[in-house]
Amino acid sequence: MEQTVIDALNRGGIADITTTGRKTGLPRRIEIYFHQFDGRYYLTGRPGFKRDWVANIEANPGFTLHLKREITIDVPVRGEPEPDREERGRILLRVLVDSWGSDPEKARADLDRWVDTSPFIRFQPVGG
């Protein structure tokens, strides 16, 4: 994989993803924010309701991350849910504080809700 792509992945930010619909088998594209911490990549969002993109990735783990800031390229990736609650909490706290600028105290106070009801997928590039 080219260094410019690695650098863009490591910055995180806004991208699109195309998943395969779990029921229809059709491509589904949405805009999403992705994060990189300690060499691992994550998709998440606000808590409160289930997301089709999570169910699509659970059913069909291969999807495309479409980088569109600073570099435009499609990156094949593979995703999976993070089964470990403590790990989700650790990453979600970093998302809230480091990526989204939340007050650390408020983020910690609301962390259980985020862990319990936020969409959360870790992913990695396929190949190269």
N, C-alpha and C. Protein backbone atom coordinates (compact mmCIF):
# COMPACT_ATOMS: atom_id res chain seq x y z
N MET A 1 0.85 -1.17 0.00
CA MET A 1 0.00 0.00 0.00
C MET A 1 0.90 1.24 0.00
N GLU A 2 0.54 2.22 -0.79
CA GLU A 2 1.33 3.44 -0.89
C GLU A 2 1.33 4.22 0.43
N GLN A 3 2.41 4.91 0.69
CA GLN A 3 2.54 5.66 1.93
C GLN A 3 1.47 6.75 2.04
N THR A 4 1.08 7.36 0.92
CA THR A 4 0.05 8.40 0.98
C THR A 4 -1.29 7.83 1.46
N VAL A 5 -1.58 6.59 1.08
CA VAL A 5 -2.81 5.94 1.53
C VAL A 5 -2.71 5.61 3.01
N ILE A 6 -1.57 5.07 3.42
CA ILE A 6 -1.36 4.76 4.84
C ILE A 6 -1.48 6.02 5.68
N ASP A 7 -0.88 7.10 5.23
CA ASP A 7 -0.96 8.37 5.96
C ASP A 7 -2.40 8.85 6.09
N ALA A 8 -3.17 8.74 5.00
CA ALA A 8 -4.58 9.16 5.03
C ALA A 8 -5.39 8.28 5.98
N LEU A 9 -5.15 6.98 5.96
CA LEU A 9 -5.84 6.08 6.89
C LEU A 9 -5.49 6.42 8.33
N ASN A 10 -4.23 6.72 8.57
CA ASN A 10 -3.80 7.00 9.93
C ASN A 10 -4.34 8.32 10.48
N ARG A 11 -4.70 9.25 9.61
CA ARG A 11 -5.30 10.51 10.06
C ARG A 11 -6.76 10.33 10.46
N GLY A 12 -7.42 9.33 9.89
CA GLY A 12 -8.85 9.18 10.14
C GLY A 12 -9.61 10.33 9.50
N GLY A 13 -10.89 10.40 9.77
CA GLY A 13 -11.69 11.50 9.25
C GLY A 13 -12.93 11.02 8.53
N ILE A 14 -13.43 11.89 7.68
CA ILE A 14 -14.65 11.60 6.94
C ILE A 14 -14.32 10.81 5.68
N ALA A 15 -15.10 9.78 5.44
CA ALA A 15 -14.98 8.96 4.24
C ALA A 15 -16.36 8.41 3.93
N ASP A 16 -16.46 7.72 2.83
CA ASP A 16 -17.67 6.96 2.53
C ASP A 16 -17.31 5.48 2.69
N ILE A 17 -18.31 4.67 2.98
CA ILE A 17 -18.14 3.23 2.92
C ILE A 17 -19.22 2.66 2.02
N THR A 18 -18.87 1.60 1.31
CA THR A 18 -19.86 0.84 0.56
C THR A 18 -19.87 -0.56 1.12
N THR A 19 -21.01 -0.93 1.69
CA THR A 19 -21.21 -2.27 2.21
C THR A 19 -22.13 -3.03 1.26
N THR A 20 -22.26 -4.31 1.49
CA THR A 20 -23.20 -5.13 0.72
C THR A 20 -24.42 -5.38 1.59
N GLY A 21 -25.57 -5.02 1.08
CA GLY A 21 -26.82 -5.20 1.83
C GLY A 21 -27.00 -6.64 2.25
N ARG A 22 -27.26 -6.85 3.52
CA ARG A 22 -27.37 -8.22 4.04
C ARG A 22 -28.59 -8.94 3.50
N LYS A 23 -29.64 -8.21 3.15
CA LYS A 23 -30.85 -8.83 2.62
C LYS A 23 -30.90 -8.78 1.10
N THR A 24 -30.51 -7.64 0.55
CA THR A 24 -30.65 -7.44 -0.90
C THR A 24 -29.42 -7.85 -1.70
N GLY A 25 -28.26 -7.83 -1.05
CA GLY A 25 -27.02 -8.10 -1.78
C GLY A 25 -26.56 -6.92 -2.62
N LEU A 26 -27.28 -5.79 -2.51
CA LEU A 26 -26.95 -4.61 -3.29
C LEU A 26 -25.95 -3.73 -2.55
N PRO A 27 -25.14 -2.96 -3.28
CA PRO A 27 -24.21 -2.04 -2.62
C PRO A 27 -24.95 -0.91 -1.92
N ARG A 28 -24.48 -0.56 -0.73
CA ARG A 28 -25.05 0.53 0.07
C ARG A 28 -23.92 1.47 0.47
N ARG A 29 -24.01 2.72 0.06
CA ARG A 29 -22.93 3.68 0.33
C ARG A 29 -23.44 4.78 1.26
N ILE A 30 -22.63 5.08 2.28
CA ILE A 30 -22.94 6.15 3.22
C ILE A 30 -21.67 6.92 3.57
N GLU A 31 -21.85 8.12 4.06
CA GLU A 31 -20.72 8.90 4.59
C GLU A 31 -20.59 8.58 6.08
N ILE A 32 -19.35 8.50 6.54
CA ILE A 32 -19.10 8.10 7.92
C ILE A 32 -17.76 8.67 8.37
N TYR A 33 -17.56 8.73 9.67
CA TYR A 33 -16.30 9.15 10.25
C TYR A 33 -15.55 7.91 10.71
N PHE A 34 -14.27 7.83 10.36
CA PHE A 34 -13.48 6.70 10.84
C PHE A 34 -12.31 7.21 11.67
N HIS A 35 -11.79 6.34 12.51
CA HIS A 35 -10.76 6.70 13.47
C HIS A 35 -9.61 5.71 13.39
N GLN A 36 -8.43 6.17 13.77
CA GLN A 36 -7.26 5.32 13.89
C GLN A 36 -6.64 5.57 15.25
N PHE A 37 -6.48 4.52 16.01
CA PHE A 37 -5.79 4.59 17.30
C PHE A 37 -4.85 3.40 17.40
N ASP A 38 -3.61 3.68 17.69
CA ASP A 38 -2.63 2.62 17.92
C ASP A 38 -2.56 1.63 16.76
N GLY A 39 -2.65 2.14 15.53
CA GLY A 39 -2.52 1.30 14.35
C GLY A 39 -3.74 0.48 13.99
N ARG A 40 -4.86 0.70 14.68
CA ARG A 40 -6.10 -0.01 14.36
C ARG A 40 -7.15 1.00 13.93
N TYR A 41 -8.08 0.55 13.10
CA TYR A 41 -9.08 1.44 12.51
C TYR A 41 -10.48 1.07 12.98
N TYR A 42 -11.31 2.12 13.13
CA TYR A 42 -12.65 1.93 13.71
C TYR A 42 -13.69 2.79 13.01
N LEU A 43 -14.90 2.26 12.93
CA LEU A 43 -16.08 3.02 12.53
C LEU A 43 -17.01 3.04 13.74
N THR A 44 -17.55 4.19 14.02
CA THR A 44 -18.53 4.28 15.09
C THR A 44 -19.45 5.46 14.82
N GLY A 45 -20.39 5.65 15.69
CA GLY A 45 -21.33 6.76 15.55
C GLY A 45 -22.04 6.99 16.87
N ARG A 46 -22.94 7.92 16.86
CA ARG A 46 -23.68 8.28 18.07
C ARG A 46 -24.55 7.12 18.54
N PRO A 47 -24.73 7.03 19.84
CA PRO A 47 -25.52 5.93 20.40
C PRO A 47 -27.01 6.13 20.17
N GLY A 48 -27.75 5.06 20.43
CA GLY A 48 -29.19 5.21 20.50
C GLY A 48 -30.00 4.34 19.56
N PHE A 49 -29.46 3.95 18.42
CA PHE A 49 -30.26 3.11 17.53
C PHE A 49 -29.33 2.27 16.65
N LYS A 50 -29.86 1.17 16.16
CA LYS A 50 -29.09 0.26 15.31
C LYS A 50 -28.89 0.87 13.93
N ARG A 51 -27.78 0.51 13.30
CA ARG A 51 -27.47 1.00 11.96
C ARG A 51 -27.40 -0.16 10.98
N ASP A 52 -27.97 0.04 9.81
CA ASP A 52 -27.92 -1.00 8.78
C ASP A 52 -26.49 -1.32 8.37
N TRP A 53 -25.62 -0.32 8.34
CA TRP A 53 -24.25 -0.58 7.89
C TRP A 53 -23.54 -1.56 8.82
N VAL A 54 -23.85 -1.54 10.10
CA VAL A 54 -23.25 -2.50 11.03
C VAL A 54 -23.74 -3.92 10.70
N ALA A 55 -25.04 -4.07 10.52
CA ALA A 55 -25.60 -5.39 10.19
C ALA A 55 -25.05 -5.88 8.85
N ASN A 56 -24.88 -4.97 7.90
CA ASN A 56 -24.32 -5.36 6.60
C ASN A 56 -22.89 -5.88 6.75
N ILE A 57 -22.07 -5.20 7.55
CA ILE A 57 -20.69 -5.64 7.75
C ILE A 57 -20.64 -6.95 8.53
N GLU A 58 -21.52 -7.11 9.50
CA GLU A 58 -21.57 -8.37 10.24
C GLU A 58 -21.91 -9.53 9.31
N ALA A 59 -22.80 -9.30 8.34
CA ALA A 59 -23.20 -10.35 7.39
C ALA A 59 -22.18 -10.54 6.27
N ASN A 60 -21.56 -9.43 5.84
CA ASN A 60 -20.61 -9.43 4.73
C ASN A 60 -19.42 -8.56 5.12
N PRO A 61 -18.41 -9.13 5.77
CA PRO A 61 -17.32 -8.33 6.36
C PRO A 61 -16.48 -7.51 5.38
N GLY A 62 -16.43 -7.90 4.13
CA GLY A 62 -15.65 -7.13 3.17
C GLY A 62 -16.44 -5.92 2.70
N PHE A 63 -15.83 -4.75 2.75
CA PHE A 63 -16.47 -3.54 2.25
C PHE A 63 -15.40 -2.59 1.72
N THR A 64 -15.83 -1.48 1.18
CA THR A 64 -14.89 -0.50 0.60
C THR A 64 -14.93 0.78 1.40
N LEU A 65 -13.75 1.26 1.77
CA LEU A 65 -13.60 2.57 2.38
C LEU A 65 -13.17 3.51 1.27
N HIS A 66 -13.98 4.54 1.03
CA HIS A 66 -13.70 5.51 -0.03
C HIS A 66 -13.09 6.76 0.60
N LEU A 67 -11.77 6.86 0.55
CA LEU A 67 -11.12 8.07 1.07
C LEU A 67 -11.42 9.21 0.11
N LYS A 68 -11.70 10.39 0.67
CA LYS A 68 -12.10 11.51 -0.19
C LYS A 68 -11.58 12.85 0.29
N ARG A 69 -10.73 12.84 1.29
CA ARG A 69 -10.12 14.07 1.79
C ARG A 69 -8.61 13.94 1.58
N GLU A 70 -8.00 14.93 1.01
CA GLU A 70 -6.56 14.96 0.75
C GLU A 70 -6.13 13.93 -0.30
N ILE A 71 -6.76 12.77 -0.32
CA ILE A 71 -6.48 11.74 -1.32
C ILE A 71 -7.80 11.05 -1.64
N THR A 72 -7.99 10.76 -2.91
CA THR A 72 -9.21 10.07 -3.34
C THR A 72 -8.81 8.68 -3.83
N ILE A 73 -9.23 7.68 -3.07
CA ILE A 73 -8.90 6.29 -3.43
C ILE A 73 -9.86 5.37 -2.71
N ASP A 74 -10.15 4.24 -3.34
CA ASP A 74 -10.99 3.21 -2.74
C ASP A 74 -10.09 2.15 -2.12
N VAL A 75 -10.32 1.86 -0.85
CA VAL A 75 -9.50 0.90 -0.12
C VAL A 75 -10.37 -0.29 0.29
N PRO A 76 -10.05 -1.49 -0.22
CA PRO A 76 -10.81 -2.66 0.25
C PRO A 76 -10.42 -2.97 1.69
N VAL A 77 -11.42 -3.19 2.52
CA VAL A 77 -11.19 -3.45 3.94
C VAL A 77 -12.07 -4.60 4.39
N ARG A 78 -11.77 -5.08 5.57
CA ARG A 78 -12.57 -6.14 6.19
C ARG A 78 -12.87 -5.71 7.62
N GLY A 79 -14.13 -5.80 8.01
CA GLY A 79 -14.55 -5.33 9.33
C GLY A 79 -15.18 -6.42 10.16
N GLU A 80 -15.22 -6.15 11.46
CA GLU A 80 -15.87 -7.04 12.40
C GLU A 80 -16.24 -6.25 13.65
N PRO A 81 -17.26 -6.72 14.37
CA PRO A 81 -17.59 -6.07 15.63
C PRO A 81 -16.47 -6.29 16.64
N GLU A 82 -16.34 -5.37 17.57
CA GLU A 82 -15.39 -5.55 18.68
C GLU A 82 -16.16 -6.21 19.82
N PRO A 83 -15.89 -7.49 20.11
CA PRO A 83 -16.67 -8.18 21.13
C PRO A 83 -16.33 -7.80 22.57
N ASP A 84 -15.15 -7.25 22.79
CA ASP A 84 -14.71 -6.95 24.14
C ASP A 84 -15.24 -5.59 24.60
N ARG A 85 -16.08 -5.60 25.61
CA ARG A 85 -16.71 -4.37 26.12
C ARG A 85 -15.67 -3.37 26.62
N GLU A 86 -14.65 -3.83 27.33
CA GLU A 86 -13.62 -2.91 27.82
C GLU A 86 -12.88 -2.23 26.69
N GLU A 87 -12.58 -2.98 25.64
CA GLU A 87 -11.88 -2.41 24.49
C GLU A 87 -12.77 -1.38 23.79
N ARG A 88 -14.05 -1.69 23.62
CA ARG A 88 -14.98 -0.70 23.03
C ARG A 88 -14.98 0.57 23.87
N GLY A 89 -15.04 0.41 25.19
CA GLY A 89 -15.04 1.58 26.07
C GLY A 89 -13.77 2.40 25.94
N ARG A 90 -12.65 1.73 25.90
CA ARG A 90 -11.36 2.43 25.77
C ARG A 90 -11.31 3.23 24.47
N ILE A 91 -11.73 2.60 23.37
CA ILE A 91 -11.69 3.27 22.07
C ILE A 91 -12.75 4.37 22.00
N LEU A 92 -13.94 4.11 22.48
CA LEU A 92 -15.00 5.13 22.42
C LEU A 92 -14.63 6.36 23.26
N LEU A 93 -13.97 6.17 24.38
CA LEU A 93 -13.52 7.32 25.16
C LEU A 93 -12.53 8.15 24.35
N ARG A 94 -11.63 7.49 23.65
CA ARG A 94 -10.68 8.22 22.80
C ARG A 94 -11.39 8.92 21.64
N VAL A 95 -12.39 8.27 21.06
CA VAL A 95 -13.18 8.90 20.00
C VAL A 95 -13.81 10.18 20.54
N LEU A 96 -14.47 10.07 21.68
CA LEU A 96 -15.17 11.22 22.25
C LEU A 96 -14.22 12.36 22.59
N VAL A 97 -13.12 12.04 23.22
CA VAL A 97 -12.21 13.08 23.71
C VAL A 97 -11.22 13.52 22.64
N ASP A 98 -10.51 12.57 22.04
CA ASP A 98 -9.44 12.91 21.10
C ASP A 98 -9.95 13.34 19.73
N SER A 99 -10.96 12.62 19.20
CA SER A 99 -11.45 12.94 17.86
C SER A 99 -12.52 14.01 17.86
N TRP A 100 -13.43 13.96 18.83
CA TRP A 100 -14.59 14.84 18.80
C TRP A 100 -14.54 15.96 19.81
N GLY A 101 -13.47 16.02 20.61
CA GLY A 101 -13.27 17.15 21.51
C GLY A 101 -14.22 17.24 22.69
N SER A 102 -14.80 16.14 23.11
CA SER A 102 -15.70 16.16 24.27
C SER A 102 -14.91 16.38 25.56
N ASP A 103 -15.58 16.94 26.54
CA ASP A 103 -15.00 17.09 27.86
C ASP A 103 -14.76 15.69 28.44
N PRO A 104 -13.54 15.38 28.88
CA PRO A 104 -13.24 14.03 29.37
C PRO A 104 -14.14 13.56 30.51
N GLU A 105 -14.46 14.46 31.43
CA GLU A 105 -15.31 14.09 32.56
C GLU A 105 -16.72 13.72 32.09
N LYS A 106 -17.28 14.52 31.20
CA LYS A 106 -18.61 14.24 30.66
C LYS A 106 -18.59 12.95 29.84
N ALA A 107 -17.53 12.76 29.07
CA ALA A 107 -17.42 11.55 28.25
C ALA A 107 -17.39 10.30 29.13
N ARG A 108 -16.62 10.34 30.19
CA ARG A 108 -16.56 9.19 31.11
C ARG A 108 -17.92 8.92 31.76
N ALA A 109 -18.63 9.99 32.12
CA ALA A 109 -19.93 9.84 32.78
C ALA A 109 -20.96 9.18 31.86
N ASP A 110 -20.83 9.37 30.56
CA ASP A 110 -21.80 8.85 29.60
C ASP A 110 -21.28 7.62 28.84
N LEU A 111 -20.12 7.14 29.24
CA LEU A 111 -19.45 6.09 28.46
C LEU A 111 -20.24 4.79 28.40
N ASP A 112 -20.89 4.38 29.48
CA ASP A 112 -21.64 3.13 29.45
C ASP A 112 -22.72 3.15 28.37
N ARG A 113 -23.41 4.26 28.23
CA ARG A 113 -24.45 4.38 27.19
C ARG A 113 -23.82 4.23 25.81
N TRP A 114 -22.67 4.87 25.61
CA TRP A 114 -21.98 4.77 24.33
C TRP A 114 -21.57 3.33 24.04
N VAL A 115 -21.01 2.67 25.03
CA VAL A 115 -20.55 1.28 24.85
C VAL A 115 -21.75 0.37 24.55
N ASP A 116 -22.85 0.58 25.24
CA ASP A 116 -24.01 -0.29 25.08
C ASP A 116 -24.78 -0.08 23.78
N THR A 117 -24.81 1.15 23.26
CA THR A 117 -25.74 1.42 22.14
C THR A 117 -25.12 2.08 20.92
N SER A 118 -23.81 2.29 20.90
CA SER A 118 -23.19 2.90 19.72
C SER A 118 -22.81 1.84 18.69
N PRO A 119 -22.96 2.17 17.41
CA PRO A 119 -22.44 1.26 16.39
C PRO A 119 -20.91 1.23 16.52
N PHE A 120 -20.33 0.07 16.31
CA PHE A 120 -18.88 -0.04 16.52
C PHE A 120 -18.33 -1.20 15.70
N ILE A 121 -17.47 -0.89 14.76
CA ILE A 121 -16.81 -1.88 13.93
C ILE A 121 -15.34 -1.55 13.85
N ARG A 122 -14.49 -2.54 14.05
CA ARG A 122 -13.06 -2.34 13.77
C ARG A 122 -12.81 -2.93 12.39
N PHE A 123 -11.86 -2.34 11.68
CA PHE A 123 -11.58 -2.82 10.33
C PHE A 123 -10.09 -2.72 10.03
N GLN A 124 -9.72 -3.42 8.95
CA GLN A 124 -8.33 -3.35 8.50
C GLN A 124 -8.31 -3.46 6.98
N PRO A 125 -7.33 -2.80 6.37
CA PRO A 125 -7.19 -2.92 4.91
C PRO A 125 -6.88 -4.37 4.52
N VAL A 126 -7.36 -4.74 3.37
CA VAL A 126 -7.12 -6.09 2.85
C VAL A 126 -5.93 -6.03 1.89
N GLY A 127 -4.97 -6.92 2.09
CA GLY A 127 -3.81 -6.99 1.21
C GLY A 127 -2.88 -5.82 1.38
N GLY A 128 -1.98 -5.65 0.39
CA GLY A 128 -1.00 -4.60 0.25
C GLY A 128 -0.63 -3.86 1.43
